[in-house]
Amino acid sequence: MNEQLDMVIPPKEKEIFENGITIDGLHTFHDFGLIMTGIGIGNPEQKTNYLSIPGRNGDLDFSDSQTGSPRFGNRTLEFSFIIRDKDTYRWQTILSDLTNLWHNRSRKIVIDTDGDYFYKGRIQVESEKNYQGVPTFQLVVNAEPYKQTTYNSLDDWEWDTFNFENGITREYRDIIVNGKETVLVEGSYMSIRPTIITDKKITLEIGNERYELAAGTNTIRTLWIREEHQEFTFIGHATVSIEYRWGSL
């Protein structure tokens, strides 16, 4: 597959043509020979709640009053491809493969040029071929509003692929608490409920709130990590980890 493409793609352009997306471990170019020709990432629409009061100028905005942060509907992702092959049988084979794997299925999608994050959504596979031109393919995704980091706060980051401009290097694994330890937990634009893992019973203080954590895995219903940074103060003697993923629009 790639040998045929090497014959028709100039070396300087080859890297551009190899760009694509990875869906559950399969890459559109390296596994199927699809050359990406277009990408569209739609912004999600915010869920709003306005109240109009007679005799008052303007409306009252209660959009964030219940949750403390914006809430969004889904977003649409669109990816367009061609294959440099006019063979009808090959087109039909690739179309069947893509349809069987992805059509109307919910999948994780990683874009090569934004490899620290994944989108999740339900995919529609579309394709067209006329008998004079090359086949075209389109993946249309009804995606969740936030993209999330491909790793979480307990994973090791890989220095070979790390993006020093916008990569995230936060780690909250195996924090040693001997009496009292304060950890600055960086915020996420997507509100997240973290999981706190401790090998012994310990107390957690955040602002004026106090939580008693049991040994093992703890999820606190009222505890959310939001856009602002927070100080988590652990009191006791234990080894603690804070697990969560970051989200961004």
Protein backbone atom coordinates (compact mmCIF):
# COMPACT_ATOMS: atom_id res chain seq x y z
CA MET A 1 0.00 0.00 0.00
CA ASN A 2 2.60 2.56 1.07
CA GLU A 3 4.97 1.59 -1.78
CA GLN A 4 2.32 2.55 -4.33
CA LEU A 5 1.74 5.86 -2.57
CA ASP A 6 5.47 6.60 -2.46
CA MET A 7 5.46 6.51 -6.28
CA VAL A 8 2.77 9.21 -6.63
CA ILE A 9 3.46 11.49 -3.65
CA PRO A 10 6.51 13.80 -3.76
CA PRO A 11 8.84 13.22 -0.77
CA LYS A 12 8.36 16.76 0.58
CA GLU A 13 4.59 16.30 0.65
CA LYS A 14 4.58 12.76 2.03
CA GLU A 15 4.48 13.85 5.67
CA ILE A 16 1.42 16.01 4.98
CA PHE A 17 -0.40 13.16 3.24
CA GLU A 18 0.37 10.78 6.10
CA ASN A 19 -1.52 12.96 8.57
CA GLY A 20 -4.79 11.46 9.68
CA ILE A 21 -6.69 10.21 12.69
CA THR A 22 -6.49 7.15 14.90
CA ILE A 23 -9.70 5.39 15.91
CA ASP A 24 -9.32 2.69 18.55
CA GLY A 25 -5.73 2.00 17.49
CA LEU A 26 -6.28 2.00 13.70
CA HIS A 27 -4.83 4.86 11.65
CA THR A 28 -6.64 6.16 8.56
CA PHE A 29 -3.47 6.42 6.44
CA HIS A 30 -1.15 3.74 7.77
CA ASP A 31 -3.84 1.04 8.03
CA PHE A 32 -6.20 2.00 5.16
CA GLY A 33 -4.22 4.30 2.85
CA LEU A 34 -6.70 7.16 3.28
CA ILE A 35 -5.28 10.60 2.49
CA MET A 36 -6.95 13.30 4.58
CA THR A 37 -8.14 16.24 2.48
CA GLY A 38 -10.18 18.17 5.02
CA ILE A 39 -11.05 18.45 8.69
CA GLY A 40 -13.85 20.34 10.43
CA ILE A 41 -14.27 20.72 14.18
CA GLY A 42 -17.54 22.37 15.09
CA ASN A 43 -17.98 24.17 18.39
CA PRO A 44 -20.67 22.84 20.74
CA GLU A 45 -23.65 25.03 21.51
CA GLN A 46 -23.98 26.09 25.14
CA LYS A 47 -27.14 25.06 26.95
CA THR A 48 -28.74 28.29 28.12
CA ASN A 49 -31.57 29.21 30.45
CA TYR A 50 -32.98 32.75 30.25
CA LEU A 51 -35.94 34.15 32.16
CA SER A 52 -37.87 37.07 30.73
CA ILE A 53 -39.56 39.28 33.33
CA PRO A 54 -42.25 41.76 32.21
CA GLY A 55 -41.23 45.38 32.74
CA ARG A 56 -37.50 44.53 33.01
CA ASN A 57 -34.90 45.39 30.40
CA GLY A 58 -33.11 42.29 29.20
CA ASP A 59 -33.45 38.73 30.45
CA LEU A 60 -32.04 37.03 33.55
CA ASP A 61 -29.35 34.50 32.65
CA PHE A 62 -29.50 31.34 34.80
CA SER A 63 -27.39 29.23 32.43
CA ASP A 64 -24.61 28.57 34.99
CA SER A 65 -26.59 28.98 38.21
CA GLN A 66 -27.18 25.29 38.94
CA THR A 67 -23.84 23.86 37.84
CA GLY A 68 -21.40 26.75 38.39
CA SER A 69 -19.95 26.31 34.89
CA PRO A 70 -21.22 26.16 31.30
CA ARG A 71 -22.95 23.06 29.97
CA PHE A 72 -22.83 22.18 26.28
CA GLY A 73 -24.53 19.99 23.75
CA ASN A 74 -22.63 17.74 21.36
CA ARG A 75 -20.33 18.97 18.60
CA THR A 76 -19.87 17.77 15.02
CA LEU A 77 -16.52 16.57 13.65
CA GLU A 78 -16.01 15.97 9.93
CA PHE A 79 -13.03 14.28 8.28
CA SER A 80 -12.65 13.97 4.49
CA PHE A 81 -10.35 11.53 2.67
CA ILE A 82 -9.44 10.16 -0.74
CA ILE A 83 -7.47 7.13 -1.85
CA ARG A 84 -5.05 7.34 -4.78
CA ASP A 85 -6.57 4.29 -6.42
CA LYS A 86 -9.40 4.17 -8.98
CA ASP A 87 -9.98 0.44 -8.59
CA THR A 88 -13.67 -0.10 -7.81
CA TYR A 89 -13.15 -3.40 -6.03
CA ARG A 90 -10.53 -1.91 -3.73
CA TRP A 91 -12.84 1.03 -2.94
CA GLN A 92 -15.67 -1.33 -2.04
CA THR A 93 -13.37 -3.41 0.16
CA ILE A 94 -12.13 -0.37 2.10
CA LEU A 95 -15.67 0.98 2.44
CA SER A 96 -16.87 -2.34 3.87
CA ASP A 97 -13.94 -2.45 6.30
CA LEU A 98 -14.59 1.08 7.56
CA THR A 99 -18.34 0.52 7.81
CA ASN A 100 -17.95 -2.73 9.73
CA LEU A 101 -15.48 -1.14 12.15
CA TRP A 102 -16.93 2.31 12.71
CA HIS A 103 -20.32 3.03 11.17
CA ASN A 104 -22.87 4.09 13.78
CA ARG A 105 -20.48 3.04 16.55
CA SER A 106 -19.22 5.13 19.45
CA ARG A 107 -15.41 5.37 19.25
CA LYS A 108 -12.43 7.34 20.58
CA ILE A 109 -10.76 9.54 17.95
CA VAL A 110 -7.25 11.01 18.15
CA ILE A 111 -6.16 13.59 15.56
CA ASP A 112 -2.45 13.39 14.64
CA THR A 113 -1.96 17.15 15.09
CA ASP A 114 -3.63 17.14 18.53
CA GLY A 115 -2.32 13.87 19.88
CA ASP A 116 -2.58 14.70 23.60
CA TYR A 117 -6.39 14.54 23.42
CA PHE A 118 -9.15 12.25 22.22
CA TYR A 119 -12.70 12.96 21.13
CA LYS A 120 -15.48 10.46 21.74
CA GLY A 121 -18.54 10.16 19.57
CA ARG A 122 -20.73 8.13 17.23
CA ILE A 123 -19.38 7.88 13.67
CA GLN A 124 -21.20 7.89 10.35
CA VAL A 125 -19.20 6.52 7.39
CA GLU A 126 -19.98 7.99 3.97
CA SER A 127 -18.29 7.38 0.62
CA GLU A 128 -18.71 8.17 -3.05
CA LYS A 129 -17.01 7.12 -6.26
CA ASN A 130 -17.60 8.02 -9.87
CA TYR A 131 -15.94 6.03 -12.59
CA GLN A 132 -13.69 8.86 -13.74
CA GLY A 133 -12.21 9.92 -10.40
CA VAL A 134 -10.76 8.61 -7.17
CA PRO A 135 -13.05 7.55 -4.29
CA THR A 136 -13.88 9.97 -1.51
CA PHE A 137 -14.64 9.09 2.08
CA GLN A 138 -16.12 11.12 4.90
CA LEU A 139 -16.39 10.40 8.62
CA VAL A 140 -19.01 12.50 10.39
CA VAL A 141 -18.92 12.29 14.19
CA ASN A 142 -21.61 13.28 16.67
CA ALA A 143 -19.07 13.93 19.44
CA GLU A 144 -19.17 14.82 23.10
CA PRO A 145 -18.50 18.53 23.68
CA TYR A 146 -15.14 18.14 25.41
CA LYS A 147 -11.98 16.48 24.18
CA GLN A 148 -10.12 14.70 26.99
CA THR A 149 -6.46 13.97 27.58
CA THR A 150 -5.31 10.60 26.29
CA TYR A 151 -3.61 9.99 29.64
CA ASN A 152 -4.69 10.71 33.19
CA SER A 153 -2.97 12.17 36.25
CA LEU A 154 -1.52 8.79 37.26
CA ASP A 155 0.13 8.01 33.92
CA ASP A 156 3.77 8.64 33.06
CA TRP A 157 4.26 11.07 30.17
CA GLU A 158 6.56 10.16 27.28
CA TRP A 159 9.37 12.67 26.80
CA ASP A 160 9.96 11.56 23.19
CA THR A 161 6.49 12.74 22.11
CA PHE A 162 5.96 15.47 24.70
CA ASN A 163 4.78 18.87 23.42
CA PHE A 164 6.81 21.48 25.32
CA GLU A 165 4.54 24.31 24.17
CA ASN A 166 1.18 23.06 25.43
CA GLY A 167 1.75 19.60 26.88
CA ILE A 168 0.49 18.81 30.37
CA THR A 169 2.97 17.42 32.93
CA ARG A 170 0.79 17.24 36.04
CA GLU A 171 1.22 14.16 38.21
CA TYR A 172 -0.62 13.29 41.38
CA ARG A 173 0.52 9.75 42.03
CA ASP A 174 1.93 8.30 45.25
CA ILE A 175 1.94 11.51 47.30
CA ILE A 176 3.55 10.84 50.69
CA VAL A 177 1.63 12.41 53.58
CA ASN A 178 3.42 12.56 56.94
CA GLY A 179 1.20 14.67 59.12
CA LYS A 180 0.09 17.29 56.59
CA GLU A 181 0.64 17.76 52.87
CA THR A 182 -0.89 20.38 50.55
CA VAL A 183 -1.16 19.69 46.82
CA LEU A 184 -2.09 22.29 44.21
CA VAL A 185 -4.54 20.57 41.86
CA GLU A 186 -4.69 22.34 38.52
CA GLY A 187 -8.08 22.99 37.05
CA SER A 188 -9.79 21.73 33.94
CA TYR A 189 -12.21 23.63 31.73
CA MET A 190 -14.37 20.51 31.81
CA SER A 191 -15.73 19.89 35.32
CA ILE A 192 -14.39 16.58 36.63
CA ARG A 193 -15.11 14.48 39.69
CA PRO A 194 -11.72 13.04 40.76
CA THR A 195 -11.02 9.67 42.31
CA ILE A 196 -8.78 9.70 45.40
CA ILE A 197 -6.87 6.55 46.26
CA THR A 198 -5.24 6.14 49.67
CA ASP A 199 -3.63 3.19 51.43
CA LYS A 200 -4.80 4.37 54.88
CA LYS A 201 -7.64 6.37 56.36
CA ILE A 202 -6.92 10.09 55.94
CA THR A 203 -8.58 13.51 56.08
CA LEU A 204 -8.90 15.85 53.10
CA GLU A 205 -9.50 19.59 53.47
CA ILE A 206 -10.43 21.87 50.56
CA GLY A 207 -11.25 25.42 51.60
CA ASN A 208 -13.86 25.16 54.35
CA GLU A 209 -14.85 21.61 53.39
CA ARG A 210 -13.54 18.55 55.21
CA TYR A 211 -13.78 14.96 53.98
CA GLU A 212 -12.93 11.73 55.77
CA LEU A 213 -11.43 9.27 53.31
CA ALA A 214 -11.37 5.53 53.86
CA ALA A 215 -8.50 3.30 52.79
CA GLY A 216 -9.03 2.36 49.17
CA THR A 217 -10.76 4.26 46.34
CA ASN A 218 -12.87 7.31 47.20
CA THR A 219 -15.24 9.29 44.98
CA ILE A 220 -16.89 12.26 46.66
CA ARG A 221 -20.25 13.17 45.14
CA THR A 222 -19.95 16.89 45.87
CA LEU A 223 -16.28 17.30 44.95
CA TRP A 224 -15.57 18.66 41.47
CA ILE A 225 -12.40 19.95 39.86
CA ARG A 226 -13.31 23.03 37.85
CA GLU A 227 -11.41 25.62 35.86
CA GLU A 228 -9.74 27.28 38.83
CA HIS A 229 -6.85 25.65 40.73
CA GLN A 230 -7.59 24.15 44.14
CA GLU A 231 -5.48 23.27 47.17
CA PHE A 232 -6.02 19.74 48.46
CA THR A 233 -4.67 19.44 52.01
CA PHE A 234 -4.24 15.89 53.31
CA ILE A 235 -3.96 15.31 57.06
CA GLY A 236 -2.71 12.02 58.45
CA HIS A 237 -0.17 9.42 57.43
CA ALA A 238 -0.73 7.70 54.09
CA THR A 239 0.25 7.44 50.44
CA VAL A 240 -2.33 9.19 48.29
CA SER A 241 -3.07 9.48 44.55
CA ILE A 242 -5.52 11.81 42.79
CA GLU A 243 -6.85 10.38 39.52
CA TYR A 244 -8.62 12.34 36.79
CA ARG A 245 -8.40 13.46 33.15
CA TRP A 246 -8.43 17.02 31.86
CA GLY A 247 -10.94 18.27 29.35
CA SER A 248 -10.89 21.13 26.86
CA LEU A 249 -13.10 22.51 24.14
